[in-house]
Amino acid sequence: MNKRYKIVWTKSASSDLETIIRYIAKNNPENAKTLFLKIKQEIAALSHSPKIGRYIPELQEQGILLYRELIINPWRLIYKIGDKSVYIMAVIDSRRNVEDILFEKLIRMKI
């Protein structure tokens, strides 16, 4: 029997997705809806097969293998696998530098 993982969206990832969908919806509501459904479908697949995403190349170069990503052009869905859950960490634009985005997110985090 295959293990089923719970999908958990972090506040940061939920905010990322909401921002993206709202931005696209301003000019093309139908495209925003299509993207939203595509992302939800891809994320749902992680509940059965969490290792389908690749390691994040920029982090892998640094020996960090904790995070994986799914690519839904031009978006990168960053996640990590726990014992019973898959944690969606971020949804970012693949045209931007990952290190810059992560740095921005760290600065905004409240400790």
N, C-alpha and C. Protein backbone atom coordinates (compact mmCIF):
# COMPACT_ATOMS: atom_id res chain seq x y z
N MET A 1 0.84 -1.19 0.00
CA MET A 1 0.00 0.00 0.00
C MET A 1 0.88 1.25 0.00
N ASN A 2 0.59 2.17 -0.90
CA ASN A 2 1.38 3.40 -1.00
C ASN A 2 1.03 4.36 0.12
N LYS A 3 2.04 5.03 0.62
CA LYS A 3 1.86 6.03 1.65
C LYS A 3 1.24 7.29 1.02
N ARG A 4 0.28 7.87 1.69
CA ARG A 4 -0.35 9.10 1.21
C ARG A 4 0.09 10.24 2.11
N TYR A 5 0.56 11.31 1.50
CA TYR A 5 1.06 12.47 2.22
C TYR A 5 0.00 13.58 2.25
N LYS A 6 -0.05 14.27 3.36
CA LYS A 6 -0.93 15.43 3.49
C LYS A 6 -0.21 16.63 2.85
N ILE A 7 -0.93 17.42 2.09
CA ILE A 7 -0.37 18.63 1.48
C ILE A 7 -0.62 19.80 2.41
N VAL A 8 0.45 20.49 2.80
CA VAL A 8 0.37 21.63 3.72
C VAL A 8 0.98 22.85 3.03
N TRP A 9 0.17 23.86 2.85
CA TRP A 9 0.65 25.13 2.26
C TRP A 9 1.13 26.04 3.39
N THR A 10 2.35 26.53 3.28
CA THR A 10 2.82 27.53 4.24
C THR A 10 2.13 28.86 3.94
N LYS A 11 2.12 29.74 4.90
CA LYS A 11 1.52 31.06 4.68
C LYS A 11 2.23 31.78 3.54
N SER A 12 3.53 31.63 3.48
CA SER A 12 4.31 32.29 2.44
C SER A 12 3.92 31.78 1.05
N ALA A 13 3.80 30.47 0.90
CA ALA A 13 3.44 29.89 -0.40
C ALA A 13 2.01 30.27 -0.79
N SER A 14 1.11 30.26 0.18
CA SER A 14 -0.28 30.67 -0.10
C SER A 14 -0.32 32.11 -0.57
N SER A 15 0.46 32.96 0.09
CA SER A 15 0.54 34.36 -0.30
C SER A 15 1.13 34.51 -1.70
N ASP A 16 2.17 33.73 -1.99
CA ASP A 16 2.78 33.77 -3.33
C ASP A 16 1.73 33.45 -4.40
N LEU A 17 1.01 32.35 -4.19
CA LEU A 17 0.03 31.91 -5.17
C LEU A 17 -1.09 32.94 -5.32
N GLU A 18 -1.57 33.46 -4.21
CA GLU A 18 -2.64 34.46 -4.27
C GLU A 18 -2.18 35.70 -5.04
N THR A 19 -0.98 36.15 -4.80
CA THR A 19 -0.44 37.32 -5.49
C THR A 19 -0.34 37.08 -6.99
N ILE A 20 0.16 35.90 -7.36
CA ILE A 20 0.30 35.55 -8.78
C ILE A 20 -1.06 35.50 -9.46
N ILE A 21 -2.00 34.82 -8.85
CA ILE A 21 -3.33 34.66 -9.46
C ILE A 21 -4.04 36.01 -9.57
N ARG A 22 -3.96 36.83 -8.55
CA ARG A 22 -4.58 38.16 -8.61
C ARG A 22 -3.97 39.02 -9.72
N TYR A 23 -2.66 38.95 -9.83
CA TYR A 23 -1.97 39.75 -10.85
C TYR A 23 -2.40 39.32 -12.26
N ILE A 24 -2.41 38.03 -12.52
CA ILE A 24 -2.81 37.52 -13.83
C ILE A 24 -4.28 37.81 -14.10
N ALA A 25 -5.12 37.68 -13.08
CA ALA A 25 -6.56 37.88 -13.24
C ALA A 25 -6.93 39.30 -13.63
N LYS A 26 -6.08 40.27 -13.31
CA LYS A 26 -6.36 41.66 -13.69
C LYS A 26 -6.53 41.80 -15.20
N ASN A 27 -5.70 41.07 -15.95
CA ASN A 27 -5.73 41.17 -17.41
C ASN A 27 -6.39 39.98 -18.10
N ASN A 28 -6.38 38.83 -17.41
CA ASN A 28 -6.89 37.63 -18.07
C ASN A 28 -7.44 36.66 -17.02
N PRO A 29 -8.67 36.87 -16.58
CA PRO A 29 -9.24 36.02 -15.54
C PRO A 29 -9.28 34.53 -15.91
N GLU A 30 -9.54 34.24 -17.16
CA GLU A 30 -9.61 32.84 -17.58
C GLU A 30 -8.23 32.18 -17.49
N ASN A 31 -7.19 32.89 -17.87
CA ASN A 31 -5.82 32.36 -17.76
C ASN A 31 -5.45 32.15 -16.28
N ALA A 32 -5.87 33.06 -15.43
CA ALA A 32 -5.60 32.94 -13.99
C ALA A 32 -6.27 31.68 -13.44
N LYS A 33 -7.50 31.45 -13.84
CA LYS A 33 -8.23 30.27 -13.38
C LYS A 33 -7.55 28.99 -13.87
N THR A 34 -7.16 28.98 -15.13
CA THR A 34 -6.48 27.81 -15.70
C THR A 34 -5.18 27.52 -14.97
N LEU A 35 -4.40 28.57 -14.71
CA LEU A 35 -3.14 28.39 -13.98
C LEU A 35 -3.40 27.87 -12.57
N PHE A 36 -4.36 28.46 -11.89
CA PHE A 36 -4.69 28.03 -10.53
C PHE A 36 -5.03 26.53 -10.50
N LEU A 37 -5.90 26.10 -11.42
CA LEU A 37 -6.29 24.69 -11.46
C LEU A 37 -5.11 23.79 -11.81
N LYS A 38 -4.24 24.24 -12.69
CA LYS A 38 -3.06 23.45 -13.08
C LYS A 38 -2.13 23.28 -11.87
N ILE A 39 -1.90 24.36 -11.15
CA ILE A 39 -1.02 24.28 -9.97
C ILE A 39 -1.63 23.35 -8.93
N LYS A 40 -2.91 23.49 -8.66
CA LYS A 40 -3.57 22.62 -7.68
C LYS A 40 -3.47 21.15 -8.09
N GLN A 41 -3.65 20.88 -9.38
CA GLN A 41 -3.55 19.51 -9.90
C GLN A 41 -2.15 18.94 -9.71
N GLU A 42 -1.14 19.73 -10.04
CA GLU A 42 0.25 19.28 -9.90
C GLU A 42 0.60 19.04 -8.43
N ILE A 43 0.14 19.92 -7.57
CA ILE A 43 0.41 19.77 -6.14
C ILE A 43 -0.29 18.54 -5.59
N ALA A 44 -1.50 18.28 -6.03
CA ALA A 44 -2.24 17.11 -5.56
C ALA A 44 -1.49 15.82 -5.86
N ALA A 45 -0.77 15.78 -6.97
CA ALA A 45 0.00 14.58 -7.33
C ALA A 45 1.09 14.28 -6.31
N LEU A 46 1.52 15.30 -5.58
CA LEU A 46 2.56 15.10 -4.57
C LEU A 46 2.07 14.23 -3.41
N SER A 47 0.77 14.17 -3.19
CA SER A 47 0.25 13.38 -2.07
C SER A 47 0.52 11.89 -2.28
N HIS A 48 0.67 11.48 -3.53
CA HIS A 48 0.95 10.07 -3.84
C HIS A 48 2.42 9.86 -4.21
N SER A 49 3.02 10.85 -4.84
CA SER A 49 4.38 10.71 -5.36
C SER A 49 5.19 11.97 -5.05
N PRO A 50 5.58 12.17 -3.80
CA PRO A 50 6.26 13.42 -3.44
C PRO A 50 7.64 13.60 -4.06
N LYS A 51 8.23 12.53 -4.55
CA LYS A 51 9.58 12.65 -5.11
C LYS A 51 9.57 12.93 -6.61
N ILE A 52 8.41 13.27 -7.18
CA ILE A 52 8.36 13.54 -8.62
C ILE A 52 9.09 14.82 -8.98
N GLY A 53 9.20 15.73 -8.05
CA GLY A 53 9.91 16.97 -8.32
C GLY A 53 11.41 16.77 -8.23
N ARG A 54 12.13 17.63 -8.91
CA ARG A 54 13.59 17.54 -8.88
C ARG A 54 14.14 18.34 -7.70
N TYR A 55 15.40 18.02 -7.34
CA TYR A 55 16.08 18.86 -6.38
C TYR A 55 16.29 20.22 -7.02
N ILE A 56 16.31 21.25 -6.22
CA ILE A 56 16.50 22.61 -6.74
C ILE A 56 17.97 22.77 -7.10
N PRO A 57 18.27 22.95 -8.38
CA PRO A 57 19.68 22.96 -8.82
C PRO A 57 20.57 23.95 -8.06
N GLU A 58 20.07 25.16 -7.82
CA GLU A 58 20.88 26.16 -7.13
C GLU A 58 21.22 25.73 -5.71
N LEU A 59 20.31 25.02 -5.06
CA LEU A 59 20.57 24.54 -3.70
C LEU A 59 21.37 23.24 -3.73
N GLN A 60 21.11 22.41 -4.71
CA GLN A 60 21.83 21.15 -4.84
C GLN A 60 23.33 21.40 -5.00
N GLU A 61 23.68 22.45 -5.74
CA GLU A 61 25.08 22.82 -5.91
C GLU A 61 25.75 23.11 -4.57
N GLN A 62 24.95 23.53 -3.59
CA GLN A 62 25.46 23.84 -2.25
C GLN A 62 25.33 22.64 -1.31
N GLY A 63 24.90 21.51 -1.84
CA GLY A 63 24.74 20.30 -1.02
C GLY A 63 23.44 20.26 -0.24
N ILE A 64 22.49 21.13 -0.57
CA ILE A 64 21.21 21.18 0.13
C ILE A 64 20.19 20.36 -0.65
N LEU A 65 19.80 19.23 -0.07
CA LEU A 65 18.86 18.33 -0.73
C LEU A 65 17.54 18.21 0.01
N LEU A 66 17.23 19.20 0.82
CA LEU A 66 16.01 19.20 1.61
C LEU A 66 14.79 19.62 0.79
N TYR A 67 15.02 20.41 -0.25
CA TYR A 67 13.91 20.98 -1.01
C TYR A 67 13.88 20.44 -2.44
N ARG A 68 12.66 20.33 -2.96
CA ARG A 68 12.43 19.91 -4.34
C ARG A 68 11.54 20.94 -5.01
N GLU A 69 11.38 20.80 -6.31
CA GLU A 69 10.52 21.73 -7.03
C GLU A 69 9.80 21.05 -8.18
N LEU A 70 8.62 21.58 -8.45
CA LEU A 70 7.87 21.23 -9.64
C LEU A 70 7.90 22.47 -10.53
N ILE A 71 8.06 22.27 -11.82
CA ILE A 71 8.07 23.38 -12.75
C ILE A 71 6.74 23.40 -13.51
N ILE A 72 6.07 24.52 -13.42
CA ILE A 72 4.87 24.79 -14.23
C ILE A 72 5.18 26.14 -14.87
N ASN A 73 5.77 26.09 -16.03
CA ASN A 73 6.31 27.29 -16.66
C ASN A 73 5.37 28.46 -16.62
N PRO A 74 5.84 29.62 -16.18
CA PRO A 74 7.19 29.94 -15.74
C PRO A 74 7.37 29.85 -14.22
N TRP A 75 6.53 29.07 -13.55
CA TRP A 75 6.54 29.04 -12.09
C TRP A 75 7.30 27.84 -11.56
N ARG A 76 7.94 28.05 -10.42
CA ARG A 76 8.63 26.99 -9.70
C ARG A 76 7.93 26.82 -8.35
N LEU A 77 7.41 25.63 -8.09
CA LEU A 77 6.74 25.33 -6.84
C LEU A 77 7.73 24.60 -5.94
N ILE A 78 8.15 25.26 -4.89
CA ILE A 78 9.18 24.73 -4.01
C ILE A 78 8.52 24.05 -2.81
N TYR A 79 8.99 22.84 -2.52
CA TYR A 79 8.40 22.08 -1.41
C TYR A 79 9.44 21.21 -0.73
N LYS A 80 9.06 20.72 0.46
CA LYS A 80 9.90 19.74 1.15
C LYS A 80 9.00 18.62 1.65
N ILE A 81 9.60 17.46 1.79
CA ILE A 81 8.87 16.26 2.18
C ILE A 81 9.14 15.98 3.66
N GLY A 82 8.06 15.84 4.42
CA GLY A 82 8.16 15.45 5.82
C GLY A 82 7.79 13.98 5.96
N ASP A 83 7.65 13.51 7.18
CA ASP A 83 7.29 12.11 7.42
C ASP A 83 5.92 11.76 6.87
N LYS A 84 4.95 12.65 7.10
CA LYS A 84 3.58 12.38 6.67
C LYS A 84 2.98 13.49 5.83
N SER A 85 3.77 14.53 5.57
CA SER A 85 3.26 15.70 4.87
C SER A 85 4.24 16.19 3.82
N VAL A 86 3.70 16.88 2.83
CA VAL A 86 4.49 17.62 1.86
C VAL A 86 4.18 19.09 2.13
N TYR A 87 5.24 19.87 2.39
CA TYR A 87 5.07 21.27 2.74
C TYR A 87 5.39 22.14 1.52
N ILE A 88 4.40 22.86 1.03
CA ILE A 88 4.61 23.78 -0.08
C ILE A 88 5.19 25.05 0.51
N MET A 89 6.42 25.35 0.10
CA MET A 89 7.17 26.44 0.72
C MET A 89 7.07 27.76 -0.04
N ALA A 90 7.01 27.69 -1.37
CA ALA A 90 7.00 28.92 -2.16
C ALA A 90 6.54 28.62 -3.59
N VAL A 91 6.00 29.64 -4.21
CA VAL A 91 5.69 29.61 -5.64
C VAL A 91 6.39 30.83 -6.21
N ILE A 92 7.40 30.60 -7.05
CA ILE A 92 8.21 31.72 -7.53
C ILE A 92 8.30 31.72 -9.05
N ASP A 93 8.63 32.87 -9.58
CA ASP A 93 8.79 33.06 -11.02
C ASP A 93 10.16 32.53 -11.43
N SER A 94 10.19 31.58 -12.35
CA SER A 94 11.46 30.96 -12.74
C SER A 94 12.36 31.91 -13.52
N ARG A 95 11.83 33.04 -13.94
CA ARG A 95 12.65 34.01 -14.67
C ARG A 95 13.49 34.86 -13.72
N ARG A 96 13.21 34.71 -12.43
CA ARG A 96 13.98 35.46 -11.42
C ARG A 96 15.01 34.56 -10.77
N ASN A 97 15.98 35.17 -10.16
CA ASN A 97 17.05 34.44 -9.48
C ASN A 97 16.53 33.89 -8.15
N VAL A 98 16.65 32.58 -7.96
CA VAL A 98 16.14 31.93 -6.74
C VAL A 98 16.81 32.49 -5.49
N GLU A 99 18.11 32.71 -5.54
CA GLU A 99 18.80 33.23 -4.37
C GLU A 99 18.25 34.59 -3.95
N ASP A 100 17.96 35.46 -4.94
CA ASP A 100 17.40 36.78 -4.64
C ASP A 100 16.03 36.66 -3.97
N ILE A 101 15.21 35.76 -4.50
CA ILE A 101 13.86 35.58 -3.95
C ILE A 101 13.92 35.05 -2.52
N LEU A 102 14.77 34.05 -2.30
CA LEU A 102 14.90 33.50 -0.95
C LEU A 102 15.42 34.55 0.03
N PHE A 103 16.36 35.36 -0.41
CA PHE A 103 16.89 36.42 0.43
C PHE A 103 15.78 37.40 0.80
N GLU A 104 14.96 37.80 -0.19
CA GLU A 104 13.84 38.70 0.09
C GLU A 104 12.87 38.09 1.10
N LYS A 105 12.58 36.80 0.94
CA LYS A 105 11.66 36.12 1.86
C LYS A 105 12.24 36.09 3.27
N LEU A 106 13.52 35.83 3.40
CA LEU A 106 14.16 35.79 4.72
C LEU A 106 14.12 37.16 5.40
N ILE A 107 14.30 38.19 4.63
CA ILE A 107 14.27 39.55 5.20
C ILE A 107 12.87 39.87 5.73
N ARG A 108 11.84 39.42 5.00
CA ARG A 108 10.44 39.71 5.41
C ARG A 108 9.97 38.85 6.57
N MET A 109 10.66 37.75 6.85
CA MET A 109 10.21 36.85 7.93
C MET A 109 10.36 37.53 9.28
N LYS A 110 9.38 37.30 10.12
CA LYS A 110 9.46 37.84 11.48
C LYS A 110 9.95 36.73 12.40
N ILE A 111 10.92 37.07 13.19
CA ILE A 111 11.51 36.08 14.11
C ILE A 111 10.95 36.27 15.50
